[in-house]
Amino acid sequence: MRTIMCASARTHTHKALLFVMHVARLWYIINSDLD
């Protein structure tokens, strides 16, 4: 049970990291377009 929780938490953190990177990339593109 603990192993499953740990694995799901790791997957959730990985997805959150990917989402943050995606938003940061979009923000970077938008900012560079404004220049």
PDB file of N, CA and C in Angstrom:
ATOM      1  N   MET A   1       0.839  -1.208   0.000  1.00  0.00           N
ATOM      2  CA  MET A   1       0.000   0.000   0.000  1.00  0.00           C
ATOM      3  C   MET A   1       0.869   1.251   0.000  1.00  0.00           C
ATOM      4  N   ARG A   2       1.851   1.285   0.850  1.00  0.00           N
ATOM      5  CA  ARG A   2       2.726   2.455   0.930  1.00  0.00           C
ATOM      6  C   ARG A   2       3.496   2.642  -0.378  1.00  0.00           C
ATOM      7  N   THR A   3       3.876   1.519  -1.002  1.00  0.00           N
ATOM      8  CA  THR A   3       4.614   1.609  -2.263  1.00  0.00           C
ATOM      9  C   THR A   3       3.753   2.239  -3.347  1.00  0.00           C
ATOM     10  N   ILE A   4       2.480   1.851  -3.398  1.00  0.00           N
ATOM     11  CA  ILE A   4       1.564   2.406  -4.399  1.00  0.00           C
ATOM     12  C   ILE A   4       1.388   3.907  -4.166  1.00  0.00           C
ATOM     13  N   MET A   5       1.227   4.298  -2.900  1.00  0.00           N
ATOM     14  CA  MET A   5       1.060   5.722  -2.577  1.00  0.00           C
ATOM     15  C   MET A   5       2.300   6.494  -3.006  1.00  0.00           C
ATOM     16  N   CYS A   6       3.465   5.941  -2.732  1.00  0.00           N
ATOM     17  CA  CYS A   6       4.714   6.611  -3.083  1.00  0.00           C
ATOM     18  C   CYS A   6       4.829   6.756  -4.595  1.00  0.00           C
ATOM     19  N   ALA A   7       4.466   5.692  -5.315  1.00  0.00           N
ATOM     20  CA  ALA A   7       4.560   5.725  -6.774  1.00  0.00           C
ATOM     21  C   ALA A   7       3.591   6.746  -7.357  1.00  0.00           C
ATOM     22  N   SER A   8       2.363   6.791  -6.838  1.00  0.00           N
ATOM     23  CA  SER A   8       1.377   7.736  -7.355  1.00  0.00           C
ATOM     24  C   SER A   8       1.799   9.165  -7.025  1.00  0.00           C
ATOM     25  N   ALA A   9       2.375   9.357  -5.848  1.00  0.00           N
ATOM     26  CA  ALA A   9       2.834  10.690  -5.465  1.00  0.00           C
ATOM     27  C   ALA A   9       3.968  11.132  -6.387  1.00  0.00           C
ATOM     28  N   ARG A  10       4.854  10.199  -6.735  1.00  0.00           N
ATOM     29  CA  ARG A  10       5.973  10.520  -7.616  1.00  0.00           C
ATOM     30  C   ARG A  10       5.441  10.890  -9.006  1.00  0.00           C
ATOM     31  N   THR A  11       4.434  10.143  -9.487  1.00  0.00           N
ATOM     32  CA  THR A  11       3.849  10.436 -10.798  1.00  0.00           C
ATOM     33  C   THR A  11       3.163  11.789 -10.774  1.00  0.00           C
ATOM     34  N   HIS A  12       2.470  12.082  -9.678  1.00  0.00           N
ATOM     35  CA  HIS A  12       1.774  13.366  -9.550  1.00  0.00           C
ATOM     36  C   HIS A  12       2.780  14.514  -9.561  1.00  0.00           C
ATOM     37  N   THR A  13       3.882  14.344  -8.835  1.00  0.00           N
ATOM     38  CA  THR A  13       4.913  15.383  -8.794  1.00  0.00           C
ATOM     39  C   THR A  13       5.525  15.570 -10.173  1.00  0.00           C
ATOM     40  N   HIS A  14       5.727  14.462 -10.894  1.00  0.00           N
ATOM     41  CA  HIS A  14       6.308  14.536 -12.241  1.00  0.00           C
ATOM     42  C   HIS A  14       5.367  15.297 -13.173  1.00  0.00           C
ATOM     43  N   LYS A  15       4.062  15.008 -13.083  1.00  0.00           N
ATOM     44  CA  LYS A  15       3.090  15.703 -13.928  1.00  0.00           C
ATOM     45  C   LYS A  15       3.051  17.180 -13.588  1.00  0.00           C
ATOM     46  N   ALA A  16       3.110  17.499 -12.304  1.00  0.00           N
ATOM     47  CA  ALA A  16       3.096  18.898 -11.881  1.00  0.00           C
ATOM     48  C   ALA A  16       4.330  19.621 -12.410  1.00  0.00           C
ATOM     49  N   LEU A  17       5.480  18.937 -12.385  1.00  0.00           N
ATOM     50  CA  LEU A  17       6.718  19.526 -12.892  1.00  0.00           C
ATOM     51  C   LEU A  17       6.606  19.798 -14.385  1.00  0.00           C
ATOM     52  N   LEU A  18       6.071  18.839 -15.121  1.00  0.00           N
ATOM     53  CA  LEU A  18       5.896  19.024 -16.568  1.00  0.00           C
ATOM     54  C   LEU A  18       4.957  20.192 -16.847  1.00  0.00           C
ATOM     55  N   PHE A  19       3.890  20.301 -16.047  1.00  0.00           N
ATOM     56  CA  PHE A  19       2.933  21.386 -16.233  1.00  0.00           C
ATOM     57  C   PHE A  19       3.595  22.737 -15.990  1.00  0.00           C
ATOM     58  N   VAL A  20       4.397  22.818 -14.931  1.00  0.00           N
ATOM     59  CA  VAL A  20       5.102  24.071 -14.614  1.00  0.00           C
ATOM     60  C   VAL A  20       6.059  24.430 -15.741  1.00  0.00           C
ATOM     61  N   MET A  21       6.776  23.444 -16.250  1.00  0.00           N
ATOM     62  CA  MET A  21       7.715  23.701 -17.349  1.00  0.00           C
ATOM     63  C   MET A  21       6.963  24.169 -18.591  1.00  0.00           C
ATOM     64  N   HIS A  22       5.785  23.577 -18.851  1.00  0.00           N
ATOM     65  CA  HIS A  22       4.989  23.955 -20.016  1.00  0.00           C
ATOM     66  C   HIS A  22       4.507  25.404 -19.888  1.00  0.00           C
ATOM     67  N   VAL A  23       4.024  25.767 -18.707  1.00  0.00           N
ATOM     68  CA  VAL A  23       3.558  27.140 -18.473  1.00  0.00           C
ATOM     69  C   VAL A  23       4.721  28.121 -18.599  1.00  0.00           C
ATOM     70  N   ALA A  24       5.869  27.746 -18.041  1.00  0.00           N
ATOM     71  CA  ALA A  24       7.038  28.631 -18.112  1.00  0.00           C
ATOM     72  C   ALA A  24       7.457  28.837 -19.562  1.00  0.00           C
ATOM     73  N   ARG A  25       7.388  27.781 -20.369  1.00  0.00           N
ATOM     74  CA  ARG A  25       7.766  27.886 -21.784  1.00  0.00           C
ATOM     75  C   ARG A  25       6.792  28.810 -22.514  1.00  0.00           C
ATOM     76  N   LEU A  26       5.482  28.651 -22.243  1.00  0.00           N
ATOM     77  CA  LEU A  26       4.484  29.519 -22.871  1.00  0.00           C
ATOM     78  C   LEU A  26       4.705  30.966 -22.454  1.00  0.00           C
ATOM     79  N   TRP A  27       4.972  31.183 -21.160  1.00  0.00           N
ATOM     80  CA  TRP A  27       5.203  32.533 -20.648  1.00  0.00           C
ATOM     81  C   TRP A  27       6.429  33.148 -21.335  1.00  0.00           C
ATOM     82  N   TYR A  28       7.470  32.338 -21.509  1.00  0.00           N
ATOM     83  CA  TYR A  28       8.689  32.816 -22.176  1.00  0.00           C
ATOM     84  C   TYR A  28       8.397  33.209 -23.623  1.00  0.00           C
ATOM     85  N   ILE A  29       7.609  32.388 -24.321  1.00  0.00           N
ATOM     86  CA  ILE A  29       7.265  32.673 -25.720  1.00  0.00           C
ATOM     87  C   ILE A  29       6.434  33.957 -25.813  1.00  0.00           C
ATOM     88  N   ILE A  30       5.460  34.094 -24.902  1.00  0.00           N
ATOM     89  CA  ILE A  30       4.601  35.291 -24.915  1.00  0.00           C
ATOM     90  C   ILE A  30       5.448  36.536 -24.642  1.00  0.00           C
ATOM     91  N   ASN A  31       6.334  36.457 -23.674  1.00  0.00           N
ATOM     92  CA  ASN A  31       7.168  37.617 -23.339  1.00  0.00           C
ATOM     93  C   ASN A  31       8.099  37.979 -24.491  1.00  0.00           C
ATOM     94  N   SER A  32       8.656  36.982 -25.159  1.00  0.00           N
ATOM     95  CA  SER A  32       9.569  37.276 -26.266  1.00  0.00           C
ATOM     96  C   SER A  32       8.798  37.845 -27.455  1.00  0.00           C
ATOM     97  N   ASP A  33       7.508  37.461 -27.592  1.00  0.00           N
ATOM     98  CA  ASP A  33       6.683  38.002 -28.674  1.00  0.00           C
ATOM     99  C   ASP A  33       6.362  39.473 -28.426  1.00  0.00           C
ATOM    100  N   LEU A  34       6.274  39.857 -27.167  1.00  0.00           N
ATOM    101  CA  LEU A  34       5.920  41.238 -26.842  1.00  0.00           C
ATOM    102  C   LEU A  34       7.061  42.197 -27.161  1.00  0.00           C
ATOM    103  N   ASP A  35       8.271  41.708 -27.170  1.00  0.00           N
ATOM    104  CA  ASP A  35       9.420  42.595 -27.415  1.00  0.00           C
ATOM    105  C   ASP A  35       9.422  43.139 -28.833  1.00  0.00           C
TER     106      ASP A  35
END
